[in-house]
Amino acid sequence: MTPLPPAERAAAAVAYLIFVPAAVILFLPAFRKSRFVRFHAWQSILLWGVFFVLTIAALLFSNVAAAMAFLLFGILASLAMLFLWIVLSFKAWQGERFELPVFGDLAARLP
């Protein structure tokens, strides 16, 4: 297996910052053919999308019932997302294709 160029590893790591860099990376001609970068960009988009949907749902439900429970859930979810962000960025920088259980399968199938 040939080592990946530093530019591809850096682009894959940057894709995990938040939703916008990952979407931009998908359209950059320099990385359009790189399966490694596209995989990490799609996995990031899927992960951040689910996180934002769950955050919005928790905010809406916290106004209705059990505000403290949803606050605790939000803190735990944010800590889990921070941990995932660090691990996935580090793995991408190392050149590893680290797949999350559900998101990795979907990201591998997307163009």
N, C-alpha and C. Protein backbone atom coordinates (compact mmCIF):
# COMPACT_ATOMS: atom_id res chain seq x y z
N MET A 1 0.84 -1.18 0.00
CA MET A 1 0.00 0.00 0.00
C MET A 1 0.89 1.25 0.00
N THR A 2 0.64 2.14 -0.93
CA THR A 2 1.44 3.35 -1.02
C THR A 2 0.95 4.39 -0.01
N PRO A 3 1.86 5.13 0.59
CA PRO A 3 1.44 6.15 1.55
C PRO A 3 0.69 7.28 0.84
N LEU A 4 -0.25 7.84 1.55
CA LEU A 4 -1.04 8.93 0.99
C LEU A 4 -0.26 10.23 1.04
N PRO A 5 -0.47 11.10 0.06
CA PRO A 5 0.20 12.41 0.09
C PRO A 5 -0.28 13.23 1.29
N PRO A 6 0.57 14.08 1.83
CA PRO A 6 0.17 14.90 2.99
C PRO A 6 -1.04 15.79 2.70
N ALA A 7 -1.19 16.25 1.47
CA ALA A 7 -2.34 17.11 1.14
C ALA A 7 -3.65 16.36 1.29
N GLU A 8 -3.67 15.09 0.88
CA GLU A 8 -4.89 14.29 1.02
C GLU A 8 -5.19 14.00 2.49
N ARG A 9 -4.16 13.69 3.25
CA ARG A 9 -4.38 13.42 4.67
C ARG A 9 -4.86 14.67 5.39
N ALA A 10 -4.30 15.83 5.05
CA ALA A 10 -4.72 17.09 5.67
C ALA A 10 -6.15 17.42 5.28
N ALA A 11 -6.52 17.23 4.03
CA ALA A 11 -7.88 17.50 3.58
C ALA A 11 -8.88 16.59 4.28
N ALA A 12 -8.53 15.34 4.47
CA ALA A 12 -9.41 14.40 5.16
C ALA A 12 -9.58 14.80 6.63
N ALA A 13 -8.52 15.27 7.26
CA ALA A 13 -8.60 15.70 8.66
C ALA A 13 -9.41 16.98 8.78
N VAL A 14 -9.24 17.91 7.85
CA VAL A 14 -9.99 19.17 7.87
C VAL A 14 -11.48 18.92 7.63
N ALA A 15 -11.81 17.89 6.90
CA ALA A 15 -13.22 17.58 6.62
C ALA A 15 -14.01 17.33 7.90
N TYR A 16 -13.36 16.96 8.97
CA TYR A 16 -14.07 16.67 10.21
C TYR A 16 -14.32 17.92 11.06
N LEU A 17 -13.78 19.08 10.65
CA LEU A 17 -13.97 20.27 11.47
C LEU A 17 -15.45 20.56 11.71
N ILE A 18 -16.20 20.67 10.65
CA ILE A 18 -17.64 20.89 10.72
C ILE A 18 -18.19 20.62 9.33
N PHE A 19 -19.45 20.80 9.16
CA PHE A 19 -20.15 20.45 7.92
C PHE A 19 -19.62 21.18 6.69
N VAL A 20 -19.36 22.47 6.78
CA VAL A 20 -19.02 23.29 5.62
C VAL A 20 -17.70 22.88 4.94
N PRO A 21 -16.58 22.71 5.68
CA PRO A 21 -15.35 22.30 4.97
C PRO A 21 -15.50 20.94 4.27
N ALA A 22 -16.25 20.04 4.84
CA ALA A 22 -16.43 18.73 4.22
C ALA A 22 -17.19 18.87 2.90
N ALA A 23 -18.21 19.70 2.88
CA ALA A 23 -18.97 19.90 1.65
C ALA A 23 -18.12 20.60 0.59
N VAL A 24 -17.31 21.55 0.99
CA VAL A 24 -16.44 22.25 0.04
C VAL A 24 -15.40 21.28 -0.52
N ILE A 25 -14.85 20.43 0.31
CA ILE A 25 -13.83 19.48 -0.13
C ILE A 25 -14.38 18.53 -1.19
N LEU A 26 -15.66 18.17 -1.08
CA LEU A 26 -16.26 17.28 -2.08
C LEU A 26 -16.27 17.89 -3.47
N PHE A 27 -16.32 19.22 -3.55
CA PHE A 27 -16.41 19.88 -4.85
C PHE A 27 -15.06 20.40 -5.38
N LEU A 28 -14.01 20.30 -4.59
CA LEU A 28 -12.70 20.75 -5.06
C LEU A 28 -12.15 19.76 -6.07
N PRO A 29 -11.72 20.26 -7.24
CA PRO A 29 -11.21 19.35 -8.27
C PRO A 29 -9.98 18.55 -7.83
N ALA A 30 -9.18 19.12 -6.94
CA ALA A 30 -7.97 18.43 -6.51
C ALA A 30 -8.27 17.14 -5.74
N PHE A 31 -9.42 17.09 -5.08
CA PHE A 31 -9.74 15.92 -4.25
C PHE A 31 -10.94 15.13 -4.79
N ARG A 32 -11.44 15.49 -5.93
CA ARG A 32 -12.63 14.83 -6.47
C ARG A 32 -12.38 13.35 -6.77
N LYS A 33 -11.16 12.99 -7.13
CA LYS A 33 -10.85 11.60 -7.48
C LYS A 33 -10.30 10.77 -6.32
N SER A 34 -10.00 11.42 -5.21
CA SER A 34 -9.42 10.71 -4.07
C SER A 34 -10.52 10.02 -3.26
N ARG A 35 -10.54 8.71 -3.30
CA ARG A 35 -11.54 7.95 -2.54
C ARG A 35 -11.38 8.15 -1.03
N PHE A 36 -10.13 8.30 -0.59
CA PHE A 36 -9.85 8.49 0.83
C PHE A 36 -10.45 9.79 1.35
N VAL A 37 -10.21 10.88 0.64
CA VAL A 37 -10.72 12.19 1.06
C VAL A 37 -12.24 12.22 0.95
N ARG A 38 -12.78 11.69 -0.13
CA ARG A 38 -14.24 11.69 -0.30
C ARG A 38 -14.92 10.86 0.78
N PHE A 39 -14.34 9.72 1.16
CA PHE A 39 -14.92 8.91 2.22
C PHE A 39 -14.99 9.69 3.52
N HIS A 40 -13.89 10.34 3.90
CA HIS A 40 -13.88 11.08 5.16
C HIS A 40 -14.79 12.30 5.10
N ALA A 41 -14.90 12.95 3.94
CA ALA A 41 -15.80 14.09 3.81
C ALA A 41 -17.25 13.64 3.96
N TRP A 42 -17.64 12.55 3.31
CA TRP A 42 -19.01 12.05 3.43
C TRP A 42 -19.31 11.58 4.84
N GLN A 43 -18.37 10.89 5.46
CA GLN A 43 -18.60 10.43 6.83
C GLN A 43 -18.78 11.61 7.76
N SER A 44 -18.02 12.67 7.55
CA SER A 44 -18.15 13.87 8.37
C SER A 44 -19.51 14.53 8.15
N ILE A 45 -19.93 14.65 6.90
CA ILE A 45 -21.23 15.27 6.61
C ILE A 45 -22.35 14.48 7.26
N LEU A 46 -22.31 13.17 7.16
CA LEU A 46 -23.36 12.34 7.77
C LEU A 46 -23.34 12.46 9.30
N LEU A 47 -22.17 12.42 9.88
CA LEU A 47 -22.05 12.50 11.34
C LEU A 47 -22.54 13.86 11.87
N TRP A 48 -22.06 14.95 11.26
CA TRP A 48 -22.50 16.28 11.70
C TRP A 48 -23.98 16.50 11.44
N GLY A 49 -24.49 15.97 10.33
CA GLY A 49 -25.92 16.11 10.03
C GLY A 49 -26.79 15.46 11.10
N VAL A 50 -26.45 14.25 11.48
CA VAL A 50 -27.21 13.57 12.53
C VAL A 50 -27.06 14.29 13.86
N PHE A 51 -25.87 14.79 14.16
CA PHE A 51 -25.66 15.53 15.41
C PHE A 51 -26.52 16.79 15.46
N PHE A 52 -26.58 17.53 14.36
CA PHE A 52 -27.39 18.75 14.34
C PHE A 52 -28.88 18.44 14.43
N VAL A 53 -29.34 17.40 13.76
CA VAL A 53 -30.75 17.01 13.84
C VAL A 53 -31.11 16.61 15.27
N LEU A 54 -30.26 15.83 15.92
CA LEU A 54 -30.51 15.44 17.30
C LEU A 54 -30.46 16.64 18.24
N THR A 55 -29.58 17.59 17.97
CA THR A 55 -29.51 18.79 18.80
C THR A 55 -30.78 19.62 18.67
N ILE A 56 -31.26 19.82 17.45
CA ILE A 56 -32.50 20.57 17.25
C ILE A 56 -33.67 19.86 17.90
N ALA A 57 -33.75 18.55 17.75
CA ALA A 57 -34.84 17.79 18.38
C ALA A 57 -34.77 17.90 19.90
N ALA A 58 -33.58 17.82 20.46
CA ALA A 58 -33.44 17.94 21.92
C ALA A 58 -33.82 19.34 22.39
N LEU A 59 -33.48 20.36 21.63
CA LEU A 59 -33.87 21.72 22.00
C LEU A 59 -35.38 21.90 21.97
N LEU A 60 -36.02 21.34 20.96
CA LEU A 60 -37.48 21.45 20.87
C LEU A 60 -38.17 20.69 22.00
N PHE A 61 -37.70 19.50 22.29
CA PHE A 61 -38.32 18.70 23.35
C PHE A 61 -37.99 19.22 24.74
N SER A 62 -36.87 19.90 24.89
CA SER A 62 -36.51 20.40 26.22
C SER A 62 -37.44 21.51 26.67
N ASN A 63 -38.07 22.20 25.74
CA ASN A 63 -39.05 23.21 26.11
C ASN A 63 -40.35 22.60 26.58
N VAL A 64 -40.59 21.38 26.20
CA VAL A 64 -41.86 20.72 26.54
C VAL A 64 -41.74 19.93 27.84
N ALA A 65 -40.70 19.14 27.97
CA ALA A 65 -40.62 18.26 29.14
C ALA A 65 -39.17 18.00 29.52
N ALA A 66 -38.97 17.82 30.78
CA ALA A 66 -37.69 17.34 31.34
C ALA A 66 -36.48 18.11 30.82
N ALA A 67 -36.48 19.40 31.07
CA ALA A 67 -35.39 20.25 30.59
C ALA A 67 -34.03 19.79 31.13
N MET A 68 -33.98 19.37 32.37
CA MET A 68 -32.70 18.93 32.96
C MET A 68 -32.19 17.65 32.31
N ALA A 69 -33.08 16.74 31.98
CA ALA A 69 -32.66 15.50 31.33
C ALA A 69 -32.08 15.78 29.95
N PHE A 70 -32.73 16.69 29.21
CA PHE A 70 -32.22 17.02 27.89
C PHE A 70 -30.94 17.84 27.97
N LEU A 71 -30.79 18.64 29.02
CA LEU A 71 -29.54 19.36 29.23
C LEU A 71 -28.40 18.39 29.48
N LEU A 72 -28.63 17.39 30.31
CA LEU A 72 -27.63 16.36 30.57
C LEU A 72 -27.31 15.58 29.30
N PHE A 73 -28.35 15.23 28.54
CA PHE A 73 -28.15 14.53 27.27
C PHE A 73 -27.32 15.39 26.32
N GLY A 74 -27.59 16.69 26.27
CA GLY A 74 -26.85 17.58 25.39
C GLY A 74 -25.38 17.67 25.77
N ILE A 75 -25.11 17.73 27.06
CA ILE A 75 -23.72 17.79 27.52
C ILE A 75 -22.99 16.50 27.16
N LEU A 76 -23.63 15.37 27.41
CA LEU A 76 -23.00 14.08 27.08
C LEU A 76 -22.81 13.91 25.58
N ALA A 77 -23.79 14.33 24.79
CA ALA A 77 -23.68 14.22 23.34
C ALA A 77 -22.57 15.13 22.81
N SER A 78 -22.45 16.31 23.39
CA SER A 78 -21.39 17.23 22.96
C SER A 78 -20.00 16.68 23.29
N LEU A 79 -19.87 16.08 24.46
CA LEU A 79 -18.59 15.47 24.83
C LEU A 79 -18.27 14.28 23.92
N ALA A 80 -19.28 13.49 23.60
CA ALA A 80 -19.07 12.36 22.70
C ALA A 80 -18.68 12.85 21.31
N MET A 81 -19.30 13.93 20.85
CA MET A 81 -18.97 14.48 19.53
C MET A 81 -17.55 15.05 19.53
N LEU A 82 -17.15 15.68 20.61
CA LEU A 82 -15.78 16.19 20.72
C LEU A 82 -14.77 15.05 20.65
N PHE A 83 -15.04 13.98 21.37
CA PHE A 83 -14.17 12.80 21.35
C PHE A 83 -14.10 12.21 19.94
N LEU A 84 -15.27 12.04 19.29
CA LEU A 84 -15.29 11.51 17.93
C LEU A 84 -14.54 12.42 16.97
N TRP A 85 -14.71 13.73 17.11
CA TRP A 85 -14.04 14.69 16.26
C TRP A 85 -12.52 14.54 16.37
N ILE A 86 -12.02 14.42 17.59
CA ILE A 86 -10.58 14.28 17.81
C ILE A 86 -10.07 12.96 17.23
N VAL A 87 -10.75 11.87 17.52
CA VAL A 87 -10.31 10.56 17.05
C VAL A 87 -10.35 10.47 15.52
N LEU A 88 -11.45 10.91 14.92
CA LEU A 88 -11.58 10.81 13.46
C LEU A 88 -10.59 11.72 12.74
N SER A 89 -10.37 12.92 13.26
CA SER A 89 -9.38 13.82 12.66
C SER A 89 -7.99 13.22 12.75
N PHE A 90 -7.66 12.66 13.90
CA PHE A 90 -6.34 12.07 14.09
C PHE A 90 -6.14 10.86 13.18
N LYS A 91 -7.15 10.02 13.08
CA LYS A 91 -7.05 8.84 12.21
C LYS A 91 -6.91 9.25 10.74
N ALA A 92 -7.66 10.27 10.33
CA ALA A 92 -7.55 10.74 8.95
C ALA A 92 -6.16 11.32 8.69
N TRP A 93 -5.62 12.05 9.66
CA TRP A 93 -4.28 12.62 9.50
C TRP A 93 -3.22 11.53 9.39
N GLN A 94 -3.44 10.42 10.08
CA GLN A 94 -2.51 9.30 9.99
C GLN A 94 -2.65 8.51 8.70
N GLY A 95 -3.70 8.77 7.95
CA GLY A 95 -3.92 8.07 6.69
C GLY A 95 -4.74 6.81 6.84
N GLU A 96 -5.44 6.66 7.95
CA GLU A 96 -6.27 5.48 8.18
C GLU A 96 -7.70 5.74 7.75
N ARG A 97 -8.33 4.72 7.22
CA ARG A 97 -9.75 4.81 6.85
C ARG A 97 -10.54 4.20 8.00
N PHE A 98 -10.83 5.00 8.99
CA PHE A 98 -11.53 4.57 10.20
C PHE A 98 -13.02 4.73 9.97
N GLU A 99 -13.74 3.61 9.94
CA GLU A 99 -15.17 3.64 9.64
C GLU A 99 -15.99 3.55 10.92
N LEU A 100 -16.93 4.47 11.06
CA LEU A 100 -17.92 4.36 12.13
C LEU A 100 -18.95 3.32 11.70
N PRO A 101 -19.60 2.64 12.65
CA PRO A 101 -20.48 1.53 12.29
C PRO A 101 -21.52 1.82 11.21
N VAL A 102 -22.34 2.80 11.35
CA VAL A 102 -23.40 3.06 10.37
C VAL A 102 -22.93 4.07 9.33
N PHE A 103 -22.26 5.11 9.78
CA PHE A 103 -21.86 6.19 8.89
C PHE A 103 -20.79 5.75 7.89
N GLY A 104 -19.91 4.89 8.30
CA GLY A 104 -18.84 4.42 7.41
C GLY A 104 -19.38 3.64 6.23
N ASP A 105 -20.38 2.78 6.46
CA ASP A 105 -20.98 2.02 5.37
C ASP A 105 -21.67 2.95 4.37
N LEU A 106 -22.41 3.92 4.88
CA LEU A 106 -23.08 4.86 3.99
C LEU A 106 -22.07 5.73 3.23
N ALA A 107 -21.05 6.20 3.91
CA ALA A 107 -20.05 7.05 3.26
C ALA A 107 -19.29 6.30 2.19
N ALA A 108 -19.06 5.02 2.38
CA ALA A 108 -18.35 4.23 1.38
C ALA A 108 -19.18 4.05 0.11
N ARG A 109 -20.51 4.05 0.25
CA ARG A 109 -21.38 3.86 -0.90
C ARG A 109 -21.68 5.14 -1.67
N LEU A 110 -21.49 6.29 -1.04
CA LEU A 110 -21.80 7.56 -1.72
C LEU A 110 -20.70 7.89 -2.72
N PRO A 111 -21.08 8.57 -3.81
CA PRO A 111 -20.09 8.85 -4.88
C PRO A 111 -19.03 9.84 -4.47
